[in-house]
Amino acid sequence: MSVWTILWVLWGIAFAVIEGLSIRNDAKNDTLSEHLRLWFRTDTKLGRTSWLVISGVFFGWFVTHIAVAGAA
């Protein structure tokens, strides 16, 4: 097993622990999704549009990256 595999697994576990604790804590603005809403100001039209554009570009790149990397 490579060091990168171990690091990705540890990252996934850390994320699950942090998100799980914030959900269990049940305080406002603890979870990642709540932070993203605050950071991108999705309560405004500009914030929603920015979020849609940025996430659309990222997910478009990510899907292509995964599909093409496997074919190369």
N, C-alpha and C. Protein backbone atom coordinates (compact mmCIF):
# COMPACT_ATOMS: atom_id res chain seq x y z
N MET A 1 0.86 -1.18 0.00
CA MET A 1 0.00 0.00 0.00
C MET A 1 0.91 1.24 0.00
N SER A 2 0.58 2.20 -0.85
CA SER A 2 1.41 3.40 -0.96
C SER A 2 1.10 4.38 0.16
N VAL A 3 2.03 5.29 0.38
CA VAL A 3 1.84 6.33 1.39
C VAL A 3 0.65 7.21 1.01
N TRP A 4 0.43 7.42 -0.27
CA TRP A 4 -0.69 8.25 -0.72
C TRP A 4 -2.03 7.59 -0.41
N THR A 5 -2.10 6.29 -0.56
CA THR A 5 -3.33 5.58 -0.20
C THR A 5 -3.62 5.74 1.28
N ILE A 6 -2.60 5.60 2.09
CA ILE A 6 -2.76 5.76 3.54
C ILE A 6 -3.22 7.18 3.86
N LEU A 7 -2.58 8.17 3.25
CA LEU A 7 -2.96 9.57 3.50
C LEU A 7 -4.39 9.86 3.08
N TRP A 8 -4.83 9.33 1.93
CA TRP A 8 -6.21 9.55 1.49
C TRP A 8 -7.20 8.88 2.45
N VAL A 9 -6.86 7.71 2.92
CA VAL A 9 -7.74 7.03 3.90
C VAL A 9 -7.81 7.85 5.18
N LEU A 10 -6.66 8.33 5.66
CA LEU A 10 -6.64 9.16 6.87
C LEU A 10 -7.44 10.44 6.67
N TRP A 11 -7.32 11.05 5.49
CA TRP A 11 -8.10 12.25 5.18
C TRP A 11 -9.60 11.95 5.25
N GLY A 12 -10.00 10.82 4.67
CA GLY A 12 -11.41 10.43 4.70
C GLY A 12 -11.91 10.20 6.11
N ILE A 13 -11.09 9.56 6.92
CA ILE A 13 -11.46 9.32 8.32
C ILE A 13 -11.56 10.65 9.07
N ALA A 14 -10.58 11.55 8.85
CA ALA A 14 -10.61 12.86 9.52
C ALA A 14 -11.87 13.62 9.13
N PHE A 15 -12.20 13.60 7.85
CA PHE A 15 -13.41 14.29 7.40
C PHE A 15 -14.65 13.70 8.07
N ALA A 16 -14.74 12.38 8.09
CA ALA A 16 -15.90 11.72 8.70
C ALA A 16 -16.01 12.07 10.19
N VAL A 17 -14.88 12.11 10.89
CA VAL A 17 -14.89 12.44 12.31
C VAL A 17 -15.33 13.89 12.52
N ILE A 18 -14.72 14.81 11.76
CA ILE A 18 -15.05 16.24 11.91
C ILE A 18 -16.53 16.48 11.57
N GLU A 19 -16.99 15.94 10.45
CA GLU A 19 -18.38 16.15 10.04
C GLU A 19 -19.33 15.45 11.02
N GLY A 20 -18.95 14.25 11.47
CA GLY A 20 -19.79 13.53 12.42
C GLY A 20 -19.93 14.27 13.74
N LEU A 21 -18.82 14.80 14.24
CA LEU A 21 -18.88 15.58 15.48
C LEU A 21 -19.73 16.84 15.31
N SER A 22 -19.60 17.50 14.16
CA SER A 22 -20.39 18.72 13.96
C SER A 22 -21.88 18.40 13.83
N ILE A 23 -22.21 17.29 13.22
CA ILE A 23 -23.62 16.89 13.14
C ILE A 23 -24.14 16.51 14.53
N ARG A 24 -23.33 15.77 15.27
CA ARG A 24 -23.72 15.36 16.63
C ARG A 24 -23.85 16.58 17.55
N ASN A 25 -22.96 17.54 17.39
CA ASN A 25 -22.97 18.76 18.19
C ASN A 25 -24.25 19.55 17.95
N ASP A 26 -24.74 19.51 16.73
CA ASP A 26 -25.99 20.15 16.33
C ASP A 26 -26.00 21.66 16.58
N ALA A 27 -24.84 22.28 16.50
CA ALA A 27 -24.78 23.74 16.61
C ALA A 27 -24.88 24.34 15.21
N LYS A 28 -25.37 25.55 15.14
CA LYS A 28 -25.53 26.20 13.85
C LYS A 28 -24.15 26.50 13.25
N ASN A 29 -24.05 26.32 11.93
CA ASN A 29 -22.86 26.63 11.13
C ASN A 29 -21.64 25.78 11.51
N ASP A 30 -21.88 24.52 11.84
CA ASP A 30 -20.78 23.61 12.15
C ASP A 30 -20.36 22.75 10.96
N THR A 31 -21.30 22.33 10.13
CA THR A 31 -21.00 21.37 9.07
C THR A 31 -20.33 22.05 7.87
N LEU A 32 -19.73 21.24 7.02
CA LEU A 32 -19.08 21.76 5.82
C LEU A 32 -20.10 22.46 4.92
N SER A 33 -21.26 21.87 4.73
CA SER A 33 -22.25 22.49 3.85
C SER A 33 -22.70 23.85 4.39
N GLU A 34 -22.84 23.95 5.69
CA GLU A 34 -23.22 25.25 6.26
C GLU A 34 -22.11 26.28 6.07
N HIS A 35 -20.85 25.84 6.21
CA HIS A 35 -19.73 26.75 5.98
C HIS A 35 -19.67 27.19 4.52
N LEU A 36 -19.90 26.26 3.60
CA LEU A 36 -19.90 26.63 2.18
C LEU A 36 -21.00 27.64 1.88
N ARG A 37 -22.17 27.46 2.49
CA ARG A 37 -23.26 28.44 2.29
C ARG A 37 -22.85 29.82 2.79
N LEU A 38 -22.15 29.87 3.92
CA LEU A 38 -21.69 31.15 4.46
C LEU A 38 -20.59 31.76 3.58
N TRP A 39 -19.61 30.93 3.21
CA TRP A 39 -18.47 31.43 2.43
C TRP A 39 -18.91 31.94 1.06
N PHE A 40 -19.84 31.25 0.42
CA PHE A 40 -20.30 31.64 -0.91
C PHE A 40 -21.52 32.54 -0.88
N ARG A 41 -22.02 32.85 0.32
CA ARG A 41 -23.19 33.72 0.47
C ARG A 41 -24.34 33.28 -0.44
N THR A 42 -24.71 32.02 -0.31
CA THR A 42 -25.76 31.48 -1.17
C THR A 42 -27.14 32.04 -0.87
N ASP A 43 -27.22 32.94 0.11
CA ASP A 43 -28.49 33.63 0.36
C ASP A 43 -28.66 34.81 -0.60
N THR A 44 -27.67 35.06 -1.46
CA THR A 44 -27.77 36.13 -2.45
C THR A 44 -27.71 35.52 -3.85
N LYS A 45 -28.23 36.24 -4.82
CA LYS A 45 -28.22 35.76 -6.20
C LYS A 45 -26.78 35.60 -6.72
N LEU A 46 -25.92 36.57 -6.42
CA LEU A 46 -24.52 36.48 -6.84
C LEU A 46 -23.83 35.29 -6.20
N GLY A 47 -24.08 35.06 -4.93
CA GLY A 47 -23.48 33.93 -4.23
C GLY A 47 -23.92 32.59 -4.80
N ARG A 48 -25.22 32.45 -5.08
CA ARG A 48 -25.74 31.22 -5.67
C ARG A 48 -25.14 31.00 -7.06
N THR A 49 -25.07 32.06 -7.84
CA THR A 49 -24.51 31.95 -9.19
C THR A 49 -23.03 31.58 -9.12
N SER A 50 -22.29 32.21 -8.23
CA SER A 50 -20.87 31.89 -8.06
C SER A 50 -20.70 30.43 -7.68
N TRP A 51 -21.50 29.97 -6.73
CA TRP A 51 -21.41 28.58 -6.30
C TRP A 51 -21.71 27.63 -7.45
N LEU A 52 -22.75 27.92 -8.21
CA LEU A 52 -23.10 27.04 -9.33
C LEU A 52 -21.99 26.99 -10.38
N VAL A 53 -21.41 28.13 -10.70
CA VAL A 53 -20.35 28.18 -11.70
C VAL A 53 -19.11 27.45 -11.19
N ILE A 54 -18.67 27.77 -9.99
CA ILE A 54 -17.44 27.17 -9.45
C ILE A 54 -17.61 25.66 -9.27
N SER A 55 -18.72 25.24 -8.68
CA SER A 55 -18.91 23.80 -8.47
C SER A 55 -19.12 23.08 -9.80
N GLY A 56 -19.78 23.72 -10.75
CA GLY A 56 -19.97 23.11 -12.07
C GLY A 56 -18.65 22.90 -12.79
N VAL A 57 -17.79 23.89 -12.76
CA VAL A 57 -16.46 23.77 -13.38
C VAL A 57 -15.66 22.68 -12.68
N PHE A 58 -15.66 22.70 -11.35
CA PHE A 58 -14.90 21.69 -10.61
C PHE A 58 -15.40 20.28 -10.92
N PHE A 59 -16.70 20.06 -10.83
CA PHE A 59 -17.22 18.71 -11.04
C PHE A 59 -17.06 18.27 -12.49
N GLY A 60 -17.17 19.21 -13.43
CA GLY A 60 -16.90 18.89 -14.84
C GLY A 60 -15.46 18.43 -15.02
N TRP A 61 -14.52 19.16 -14.41
CA TRP A 61 -13.11 18.77 -14.48
C TRP A 61 -12.91 17.42 -13.80
N PHE A 62 -13.49 17.23 -12.63
CA PHE A 62 -13.27 16.02 -11.85
C PHE A 62 -13.77 14.78 -12.58
N VAL A 63 -14.96 14.86 -13.14
CA VAL A 63 -15.52 13.72 -13.87
C VAL A 63 -14.64 13.38 -15.07
N THR A 64 -14.22 14.43 -15.81
CA THR A 64 -13.34 14.21 -16.97
C THR A 64 -12.00 13.65 -16.51
N HIS A 65 -11.46 14.19 -15.45
CA HIS A 65 -10.17 13.74 -14.92
C HIS A 65 -10.21 12.26 -14.57
N ILE A 66 -11.24 11.82 -13.89
CA ILE A 66 -11.36 10.42 -13.50
C ILE A 66 -11.54 9.53 -14.72
N ALA A 67 -12.40 9.94 -15.66
CA ALA A 67 -12.67 9.12 -16.85
C ALA A 67 -11.45 9.03 -17.76
N VAL A 68 -10.76 10.14 -17.97
CA VAL A 68 -9.64 10.16 -18.89
C VAL A 68 -8.39 9.53 -18.27
N ALA A 69 -8.17 9.77 -16.97
CA ALA A 69 -6.99 9.22 -16.31
C ALA A 69 -6.99 7.69 -16.37
N GLY A 70 -8.16 7.09 -16.29
CA GLY A 70 -8.24 5.63 -16.36
C GLY A 70 -7.96 5.10 -17.75
N ALA A 71 -8.19 5.92 -18.78
CA ALA A 71 -7.99 5.49 -20.16
C ALA A 71 -6.56 5.68 -20.63
N ALA A 72 -5.80 6.51 -19.91
CA ALA A 72 -4.44 6.84 -20.37
C ALA A 72 -3.44 5.81 -20.03
